[in-house]
Structures are given as C-alpha cells and as structure tokens.
PDB file of N, CA and C in Angstrom:
ATOM      1  N   MET A   1     106.696 177.293 136.324  1.00  0.00           N
ATOM      2  CA  MET A   1     107.613 176.901 137.371  1.00  0.00           C
ATOM      3  C   MET A   1     108.874 177.742 137.258  1.00  0.00           C
ATOM      4  N   GLU A   2     108.761 178.914 137.732  1.00  0.00           N
ATOM      5  CA  GLU A   2     109.854 179.866 137.653  1.00  0.00           C
ATOM      6  C   GLU A   2     111.010 179.463 138.573  1.00  0.00           C
ATOM      7  N   GLY A   3     112.220 179.698 138.114  1.00  0.00           N
ATOM      8  CA  GLY A   3     113.383 179.412 138.926  1.00  0.00           C
ATOM      9  C   GLY A   3     113.972 178.034 138.712  1.00  0.00           C
ATOM     10  N   PHE A   4     113.345 177.219 137.897  1.00  0.00           N
ATOM     11  CA  PHE A   4     113.832 175.871 137.624  1.00  0.00           C
ATOM     12  C   PHE A   4     114.495 175.800 136.256  1.00  0.00           C
ATOM     13  N   TYR A   5     115.363 174.832 136.115  1.00  0.00           N
ATOM     14  CA  TYR A   5     115.903 174.439 134.812  1.00  0.00           C
ATOM     15  C   TYR A   5     115.352 173.046 134.537  1.00  0.00           C
ATOM     16  N   PHE A   6     115.036 172.797 133.288  1.00  0.00           N
ATOM     17  CA  PHE A   6     114.421 171.528 132.928  1.00  0.00           C
ATOM     18  C   PHE A   6     115.333 170.713 132.020  1.00  0.00           C
ATOM     19  N   VAL A   7     115.486 169.457 132.342  1.00  0.00           N
ATOM     20  CA  VAL A   7     116.128 168.491 131.464  1.00  0.00           C
ATOM     21  C   VAL A   7     114.977 167.755 130.795  1.00  0.00           C
ATOM     22  N   TYR A   8     115.030 167.641 129.486  1.00  0.00           N
ATOM     23  CA  TYR A   8     113.890 167.062 128.775  1.00  0.00           C
ATOM     24  C   TYR A   8     114.362 166.068 127.728  1.00  0.00           C
ATOM     25  N   ILE A   9     113.443 165.187 127.374  1.00  0.00           N
ATOM     26  CA  ILE A   9     113.714 164.209 126.329  1.00  0.00           C
ATOM     27  C   ILE A   9     112.568 164.249 125.336  1.00  0.00           C
ATOM     28  N   LEU A  10     112.939 164.416 124.078  1.00  0.00           N
ATOM     29  CA  LEU A  10     111.979 164.384 122.985  1.00  0.00           C
ATOM     30  C   LEU A  10     112.157 163.076 122.230  1.00  0.00           C
ATOM     31  N   GLN A  11     111.074 162.569 121.690  1.00  0.00           N
ATOM     32  CA  GLN A  11     111.156 161.395 120.831  1.00  0.00           C
ATOM     33  C   GLN A  11     110.671 161.792 119.452  1.00  0.00           C
ATOM     34  N   SER A  12     111.440 161.415 118.452  1.00  0.00           N
ATOM     35  CA  SER A  12     111.061 161.670 117.072  1.00  0.00           C
ATOM     36  C   SER A  12     110.036 160.634 116.645  1.00  0.00           C
ATOM     37  N   ILE A  13     108.920 161.090 116.142  1.00  0.00           N
ATOM     38  CA  ILE A  13     107.911 160.167 115.623  1.00  0.00           C
ATOM     39  C   ILE A  13     108.387 159.570 114.309  1.00  0.00           C
ATOM     40  N   THR A  14     109.259 160.273 113.606  1.00  0.00           N
ATOM     41  CA  THR A  14     109.799 159.815 112.329  1.00  0.00           C
ATOM     42  C   THR A  14     110.722 158.613 112.485  1.00  0.00           C
ATOM     43  N   ASP A  15     111.709 158.712 113.409  1.00  0.00           N
ATOM     44  CA  ASP A  15     112.690 157.627 113.533  1.00  0.00           C
ATOM     45  C   ASP A  15     112.736 156.980 114.925  1.00  0.00           C
ATOM     46  N   ASN A  16     111.854 157.417 115.837  1.00  0.00           N
ATOM     47  CA  ASN A  16     111.756 156.889 117.207  1.00  0.00           C
ATOM     48  C   ASN A  16     112.992 157.147 118.070  1.00  0.00           C
ATOM     49  N   ASN A  17     113.961 157.919 117.594  1.00  0.00           N
ATOM     50  CA  ASN A  17     115.138 158.232 118.383  1.00  0.00           C
ATOM     51  C   ASN A  17     114.837 159.362 119.357  1.00  0.00           C
ATOM     52  N   PHE A  18     115.702 159.465 120.373  1.00  0.00           N
ATOM     53  CA  PHE A  18     115.525 160.463 121.414  1.00  0.00           C
ATOM     54  C   PHE A  18     116.491 161.624 121.240  1.00  0.00           C
ATOM     55  N   TYR A  19     116.069 162.775 121.737  1.00  0.00           N
ATOM     56  CA  TYR A  19     116.914 163.962 121.812  1.00  0.00           C
ATOM     57  C   TYR A  19     116.836 164.452 123.255  1.00  0.00           C
ATOM     58  N   THR A  20     117.971 164.705 123.869  1.00  0.00           N
ATOM     59  CA  THR A  20     118.022 165.165 125.259  1.00  0.00           C
ATOM     60  C   THR A  20     118.602 166.569 125.301  1.00  0.00           C
ATOM     61  N   GLY A  21     117.977 167.442 126.078  1.00  0.00           N
ATOM     62  CA  GLY A  21     118.467 168.799 126.225  1.00  0.00           C
ATOM     63  C   GLY A  21     118.054 169.388 127.562  1.00  0.00           C
ATOM     64  N   TYR A  22     118.429 170.635 127.788  1.00  0.00           N
ATOM     65  CA  TYR A  22     117.975 171.329 128.986  1.00  0.00           C
ATOM     66  C   TYR A  22     117.656 172.771 128.632  1.00  0.00           C
ATOM     67  N   THR A  23     116.805 173.381 129.444  1.00  0.00           N
ATOM     68  CA  THR A  23     116.363 174.741 129.184  1.00  0.00           C
ATOM     69  C   THR A  23     115.807 175.373 130.444  1.00  0.00           C
ATOM     70  N   LYS A  24     115.692 176.660 130.429  1.00  0.00           N
ATOM     71  CA  LYS A  24     115.048 177.408 131.518  1.00  0.00           C
ATOM     72  C   LYS A  24     113.541 177.503 131.269  1.00  0.00           C
ATOM     73  N   ASP A  25     113.136 177.491 130.014  1.00  0.00           N
ATOM     74  CA  ASP A  25     111.726 177.652 129.641  1.00  0.00           C
ATOM     75  C   ASP A  25     111.312 176.468 128.760  1.00  0.00           C
ATOM     76  N   LEU A  26     110.736 175.465 129.377  1.00  0.00           N
ATOM     77  CA  LEU A  26     110.418 174.221 128.671  1.00  0.00           C
ATOM     78  C   LEU A  26     109.390 174.428 127.566  1.00  0.00           C
ATOM     79  N   LYS A  27     108.356 175.178 127.832  1.00  0.00           N
ATOM     80  CA  LYS A  27     107.311 175.400 126.828  1.00  0.00           C
ATOM     81  C   LYS A  27     107.878 176.090 125.576  1.00  0.00           C
ATOM     82  N   ARG A  28     108.646 177.156 125.783  1.00  0.00           N
ATOM     83  CA  ARG A  28     109.235 177.879 124.653  1.00  0.00           C
ATOM     84  C   ARG A  28     110.185 176.989 123.859  1.00  0.00           C
ATOM     85  N   ARG A  29     111.004 176.217 124.575  1.00  0.00           N
ATOM     86  CA  ARG A  29     111.989 175.363 123.903  1.00  0.00           C
ATOM     87  C   ARG A  29     111.312 174.270 123.090  1.00  0.00           C
ATOM     88  N   PHE A  30     110.257 173.679 123.645  1.00  0.00           N
ATOM     89  CA  PHE A  30     109.531 172.647 122.903  1.00  0.00           C
ATOM     90  C   PHE A  30     108.910 173.235 121.640  1.00  0.00           C
ATOM     91  N   GLU A  31     108.366 174.444 121.744  1.00  0.00           N
ATOM     92  CA  GLU A  31     107.809 175.116 120.563  1.00  0.00           C
ATOM     93  C   GLU A  31     108.893 175.357 119.511  1.00  0.00           C
ATOM     94  N   GLU A  32     110.092 175.735 119.938  1.00  0.00           N
ATOM     95  CA  GLU A  32     111.197 175.930 118.996  1.00  0.00           C
ATOM     96  C   GLU A  32     111.525 174.624 118.275  1.00  0.00           C
ATOM     97  N   HIS A  33     111.533 173.529 119.010  1.00  0.00           N
ATOM     98  CA  HIS A  33     111.785 172.230 118.383  1.00  0.00           C
ATOM     99  C   HIS A  33     110.687 171.892 117.374  1.00  0.00           C
ATOM    100  N   THR A  34     109.440 172.041 117.758  1.00  0.00           N
ATOM    101  CA  THR A  34     108.336 171.649 116.876  1.00  0.00           C
ATOM    102  C   THR A  34     108.214 172.552 115.653  1.00  0.00           C
ATOM    103  N   GLN A  35     108.689 173.783 115.758  1.00  0.00           N
ATOM    104  CA  GLN A  35     108.642 174.712 114.630  1.00  0.00           C
ATOM    105  C   GLN A  35     109.859 174.589 113.714  1.00  0.00           C
ATOM    106  N   GLY A  36     110.788 173.709 114.048  1.00  0.00           N
ATOM    107  CA  GLY A  36     111.964 173.507 113.204  1.00  0.00           C
ATOM    108  C   GLY A  36     113.057 174.533 113.399  1.00  0.00           C
ATOM    109  N   LYS A  37     113.054 175.236 114.513  1.00  0.00           N
ATOM    110  CA  LYS A  37     114.052 176.273 114.761  1.00  0.00           C
ATOM    111  C   LYS A  37     115.331 175.736 115.401  1.00  0.00           C
ATOM    112  N   VAL A  38     115.367 174.452 115.723  1.00  0.00           N
ATOM    113  CA  VAL A  38     116.543 173.830 116.339  1.00  0.00           C
ATOM    114  C   VAL A  38     117.176 172.905 115.293  1.00  0.00           C
ATOM    115  N   PRO A  39     118.382 173.232 114.824  1.00  0.00           N
ATOM    116  CA  PRO A  39     118.996 172.457 113.738  1.00  0.00           C
ATOM    117  C   PRO A  39     119.113 170.953 114.020  1.00  0.00           C
ATOM    118  N   SER A  40     119.404 170.575 115.247  1.00  0.00           N
ATOM    119  CA  SER A  40     119.629 169.154 115.536  1.00  0.00           C
ATOM    120  C   SER A  40     118.351 168.315 115.496  1.00  0.00           C
ATOM    121  N   THR A  41     117.190 168.939 115.567  1.00  0.00           N
ATOM    122  CA  THR A  41     115.940 168.165 115.513  1.00  0.00           C
ATOM    123  C   THR A  41     115.050 168.558 114.334  1.00  0.00           C
ATOM    124  N   LYS A  42     115.476 169.522 113.565  1.00  0.00           N
ATOM    125  CA  LYS A  42     114.648 170.039 112.466  1.00  0.00           C
ATOM    126  C   LYS A  42     114.205 168.934 111.505  1.00  0.00           C
ATOM    127  N   GLU A  43     115.119 168.057 111.137  1.00  0.00           N
ATOM    128  CA  GLU A  43     114.807 167.001 110.172  1.00  0.00           C
ATOM    129  C   GLU A  43     114.165 165.775 110.815  1.00  0.00           C
ATOM    130  N   ARG A  44     114.000 165.794 112.124  1.00  0.00           N
ATOM    131  CA  ARG A  44     113.461 164.629 112.832  1.00  0.00           C
ATOM    132  C   ARG A  44     112.028 164.853 113.288  1.00  0.00           C
ATOM    133  N   ARG A  45     111.431 165.955 112.879  1.00  0.00           N
ATOM    134  CA  ARG A  45     110.059 166.264 113.262  1.00  0.00           C
ATOM    135  C   ARG A  45     109.081 165.330 112.568  1.00  0.00           C
ATOM    136  N   PRO A  46     107.916 165.102 113.152  1.00  0.00           N
ATOM    137  CA  PRO A  46     107.363 165.650 114.380  1.00  0.00           C
ATOM    138  C   PRO A  46     107.991 165.009 115.618  1.00  0.00           C
ATOM    139  N   LEU A  47     107.918 165.754 116.708  1.00  0.00           N
ATOM    140  CA  LEU A  47     108.519 165.334 117.976  1.00  0.00           C
ATOM    141  C   LEU A  47     107.458 165.348 119.069  1.00  0.00           C
ATOM    142  N   LYS A  48     107.682 164.504 120.064  1.00  0.00           N
ATOM    143  CA  LYS A  48     106.821 164.567 121.241  1.00  0.00           C
ATOM    144  C   LYS A  48     107.689 164.578 122.486  1.00  0.00           C
ATOM    145  N   LEU A  49     107.226 165.315 123.472  1.00  0.00           N
ATOM    146  CA  LEU A  49     107.911 165.398 124.758  1.00  0.00           C
ATOM    147  C   LEU A  49     107.524 164.157 125.549  1.00  0.00           C
ATOM    148  N   VAL A  50     108.524 163.319 125.884  1.00  0.00           N
ATOM    149  CA  VAL A  50     108.225 162.069 126.580  1.00  0.00           C
ATOM    150  C   VAL A  50     108.710 162.057 128.019  1.00  0.00           C
ATOM    151  N   TYR A  51     109.563 163.032 128.414  1.00  0.00           N
ATOM    152  CA  TYR A  51     110.099 163.017 129.767  1.00  0.00           C
ATOM    153  C   TYR A  51     110.723 164.366 130.080  1.00  0.00           C
ATOM    154  N   PHE A  52     110.566 164.804 131.325  1.00  0.00           N
ATOM    155  CA  PHE A  52     111.316 165.974 131.782  1.00  0.00           C
ATOM    156  C   PHE A  52     111.504 165.906 133.286  1.00  0.00           C
ATOM    157  N   GLU A  53     112.544 166.584 133.753  1.00  0.00           N
ATOM    158  CA  GLU A  53     112.858 166.709 135.166  1.00  0.00           C
ATOM    159  C   GLU A  53     113.140 168.175 135.442  1.00  0.00           C
ATOM    160  N   ALA A  54     112.805 168.625 136.643  1.00  0.00           N
ATOM    161  CA  ALA A  54     113.116 169.987 137.063  1.00  0.00           C
ATOM    162  C   ALA A  54     114.340 169.960 137.973  1.00  0.00           C
ATOM    163  N   CYS A  55     115.248 170.895 137.747  1.00  0.00           N
ATOM    164  CA  CYS A  55     116.462 171.024 138.562  1.00  0.00           C
ATOM    165  C   CYS A  55     116.500 172.425 139.155  1.00  0.00           C
ATOM    166  N   LEU A  56     117.134 172.539 140.307  1.00  0.00           N
ATOM    167  CA  LEU A  56     117.179 173.826 141.002  1.00  0.00           C
ATOM    168  C   LEU A  56     118.233 174.778 140.463  1.00  0.00           C
ATOM    169  N   SER A  57     119.222 174.251 139.724  1.00  0.00           N
ATOM    170  CA  SER A  57     120.268 175.123 139.180  1.00  0.00           C
ATOM    171  C   SER A  57     120.649 174.675 137.779  1.00  0.00           C
ATOM    172  N   GLN A  58     121.261 175.586 137.049  1.00  0.00           N
ATOM    173  CA  GLN A  58     121.723 175.276 135.702  1.00  0.00           C
ATOM    174  C   GLN A  58     122.807 174.206 135.755  1.00  0.00           C
ATOM    175  N   GLN A  59     123.657 174.270 136.753  1.00  0.00           N
ATOM    176  CA  GLN A  59     124.726 173.273 136.885  1.00  0.00           C
ATOM    177  C   GLN A  59     124.138 171.877 137.083  1.00  0.00           C
ATOM    178  N   ASP A  60     123.129 171.745 137.931  1.00  0.00           N
ATOM    179  CA  ASP A  60     122.479 170.443 138.132  1.00  0.00           C
ATOM    180  C   ASP A  60     121.860 169.940 136.822  1.00  0.00           C
ATOM    181  N   ALA A  61     121.240 170.848 136.085  1.00  0.00           N
ATOM    182  CA  ALA A  61     120.604 170.463 134.827  1.00  0.00           C
ATOM    183  C   ALA A  61     121.633 169.993 133.801  1.00  0.00           C
ATOM    184  N   THR A  62     122.766 170.678 133.705  1.00  0.00           N
ATOM    185  CA  THR A  62     123.778 170.262 132.721  1.00  0.00           C
ATOM    186  C   THR A  62     124.397 168.924 133.121  1.00  0.00           C
ATOM    187  N   TYR A  63     124.614 168.716 134.419  1.00  0.00           N
ATOM    188  CA  TYR A  63     125.139 167.416 134.862  1.00  0.00           C
ATOM    189  C   TYR A  63     124.145 166.298 134.544  1.00  0.00           C
ATOM    190  N   ARG A  64     122.884 166.571 134.807  1.00  0.00           N
ATOM    191  CA  ARG A  64     121.855 165.548 134.565  1.00  0.00           C
ATOM    192  C   ARG A  64     121.724 165.271 133.068  1.00  0.00           C
ATOM    193  N   GLU A  65     121.765 166.307 132.256  1.00  0.00           N
ATOM    194  CA  GLU A  65     121.690 166.133 130.805  1.00  0.00           C
ATOM    195  C   GLU A  65     122.856 165.269 130.318  1.00  0.00           C
ATOM    196  N   LYS A  66     124.056 165.566 130.785  1.00  0.00           N
ATOM    197  CA  LYS A  66     125.227 164.780 130.379  1.00  0.00           C
ATOM    198  C   LYS A  66     125.085 163.328 130.808  1.00  0.00           C
ATOM    199  N   TYR A  67     124.581 163.107 132.024  1.00  0.00           N
ATOM    200  CA  TYR A  67     124.379 161.729 132.492  1.00  0.00           C
ATOM    201  C   TYR A  67     123.362 160.997 131.616  1.00  0.00           C
ATOM    202  N   LEU A  68     122.253 161.646 131.300  1.00  0.00           N
ATOM    203  CA  LEU A  68     121.207 160.985 130.507  1.00  0.00           C
ATOM    204  C   LEU A  68     121.663 160.660 129.087  1.00  0.00           C
ATOM    205  N   LYS A  69     122.734 161.290 128.644  1.00  0.00           N
ATOM    206  CA  LYS A  69     123.283 161.000 127.317  1.00  0.00           C
ATOM    207  C   LYS A  69     124.292 159.854 127.346  1.00  0.00           C
ATOM    208  N   THR A  70     124.642 159.375 128.543  1.00  0.00           N
ATOM    209  CA  THR A  70     125.571 158.249 128.656  1.00  0.00           C
ATOM    210  C   THR A  70     124.822 156.932 128.486  1.00  0.00           C
ATOM    211  N   PHE A  71     125.566 155.854 128.363  1.00  0.00           N
ATOM    212  CA  PHE A  71     124.969 154.517 128.251  1.00  0.00           C
ATOM    213  C   PHE A  71     124.042 154.236 129.434  1.00  0.00           C
ATOM    214  N   TYR A  72     124.520 154.515 130.653  1.00  0.00           N
ATOM    215  CA  TYR A  72     123.716 154.242 131.842  1.00  0.00           C
ATOM    216  C   TYR A  72     122.509 155.171 131.941  1.00  0.00           C
ATOM    217  N   GLY A  73     122.677 156.390 131.500  1.00  0.00           N
ATOM    218  CA  GLY A  73     121.556 157.325 131.479  1.00  0.00           C
ATOM    219  C   GLY A  73     120.479 156.882 130.514  1.00  0.00           C
ATOM    220  N   LYS A  74     120.894 156.381 129.364  1.00  0.00           N
ATOM    221  CA  LYS A  74     119.922 155.882 128.381  1.00  0.00           C
ATOM    222  C   LYS A  74     119.203 154.645 128.908  1.00  0.00           C
ATOM    223  N   MET A  75     119.935 153.799 129.641  1.00  0.00           N
ATOM    224  CA  MET A  75     119.295 152.631 130.267  1.00  0.00           C
ATOM    225  C   MET A  75     118.268 153.092 131.309  1.00  0.00           C
ATOM    226  N   PHE A  76     118.618 154.115 132.097  1.00  0.00           N
ATOM    227  CA  PHE A  76     117.707 154.654 133.094  1.00  0.00           C
ATOM    228  C   PHE A  76     116.415 155.130 132.433  1.00  0.00           C
ATOM    229  N   ILE A  77     116.546 155.894 131.357  1.00  0.00           N
ATOM    230  CA  ILE A  77     115.367 156.426 130.668  1.00  0.00           C
ATOM    231  C   ILE A  77     114.528 155.302 130.076  1.00  0.00           C
ATOM    232  N   ARG A  78     115.167 154.330 129.449  1.00  0.00           N
ATOM    233  CA  ARG A  78     114.403 153.213 128.867  1.00  0.00           C
ATOM    234  C   ARG A  78     113.642 152.451 129.950  1.00  0.00           C
ATOM    235  N   ASN A  79     114.267 152.246 131.119  1.00  0.00           N
ATOM    236  CA  ASN A  79     113.569 151.585 132.221  1.00  0.00           C
ATOM    237  C   ASN A  79     112.450 152.455 132.765  1.00  0.00           C
ATOM    238  N   ARG A  80     112.718 153.735 132.879  1.00  0.00           N
ATOM    239  CA  ARG A  80     111.716 154.680 133.399  1.00  0.00           C
ATOM    240  C   ARG A  80     110.508 154.760 132.485  1.00  0.00           C
ATOM    241  N   LEU A  81     110.736 154.677 131.186  1.00  0.00           N
ATOM    242  CA  LEU A  81     109.663 154.814 130.201  1.00  0.00           C
ATOM    243  C   LEU A  81     109.209 153.466 129.633  1.00  0.00           C
ATOM    244  N   LYS A  82     109.592 152.376 130.265  1.00  0.00           N
ATOM    245  CA  LYS A  82     109.347 151.041 129.726  1.00  0.00           C
ATOM    246  C   LYS A  82     107.878 150.829 129.355  1.00  0.00           C
ATOM    247  N   SER A  83     106.955 151.112 130.239  1.00  0.00           N
ATOM    248  CA  SER A  83     105.535 150.883 129.942  1.00  0.00           C
ATOM    249  C   SER A  83     105.053 151.821 128.837  1.00  0.00           C
ATOM    250  N   TYR A  84     105.580 153.054 128.809  1.00  0.00           N
ATOM    251  CA  TYR A  84     105.202 153.995 127.760  1.00  0.00           C
ATOM    252  C   TYR A  84     105.705 153.534 126.392  1.00  0.00           C
ATOM    253  N   LEU A  85     106.955 153.073 126.348  1.00  0.00           N
ATOM    254  CA  LEU A  85     107.559 152.699 125.069  1.00  0.00           C
ATOM    255  C   LEU A  85     107.003 151.391 124.515  1.00  0.00           C
ATOM    256  N   THR A  86     106.538 150.492 125.378  1.00  0.00           N
ATOM    257  CA  THR A  86     106.022 149.211 124.900  1.00  0.00           C
ATOM    258  C   THR A  86     104.519 149.252 124.669  1.00  0.00           C
ATOM    259  N   GLY A  87     103.895 150.362 124.961  1.00  0.00           N
ATOM    260  CA  GLY A  87     102.486 150.557 124.670  1.00  0.00           C
ATOM    261  C   GLY A  87     101.623 149.955 125.695  1.00  0.00           C
TER     262      GLY A  87
END
C-alpha cells in the first residue's frame, strides 16, 4: 500500500502491554520490532501486531498516534479490540 502512513499497535506477549507507533513501511517496522532493533520494545518481545490504520499523510498519522496514546485513545482501542482481548 504505497503512499500511506500506518499507525499501528503492538501487544507484548510478555507483559500484555501495548506499544503504539507510526511508519511508512509497516512490514519493515514490524520486523525491526520483532528482531529487537527498536529500544522501546526490545525487552518486551515477543510482540504481535493487533491493530493498524492507514493514513493519507504523515501529519494525519502523527495526530492519530498521539490521540491513541491518550486516555480516550486507549479506551477507543480497548473497545475496538474488546472481542479480541477477551478471547
């Protein structure tokens, strides 16, 4: 999906916490996380990709990432993933 920026959420299998980020190349970025090349998630591996959104611009992606890191953004994600998180 060329031309998009992706906002993504990873879940640590180790501690069940989430990590939110954005990137132009989702596949490459996820590989960097799983290989331990990202300091903020290196110690939280293994990780799984549980959510992503495509945005048309980098500015939209950064705004969305910042929102998803807020209290209301976290509530949105928990509601969105409710059936996934409860099994």
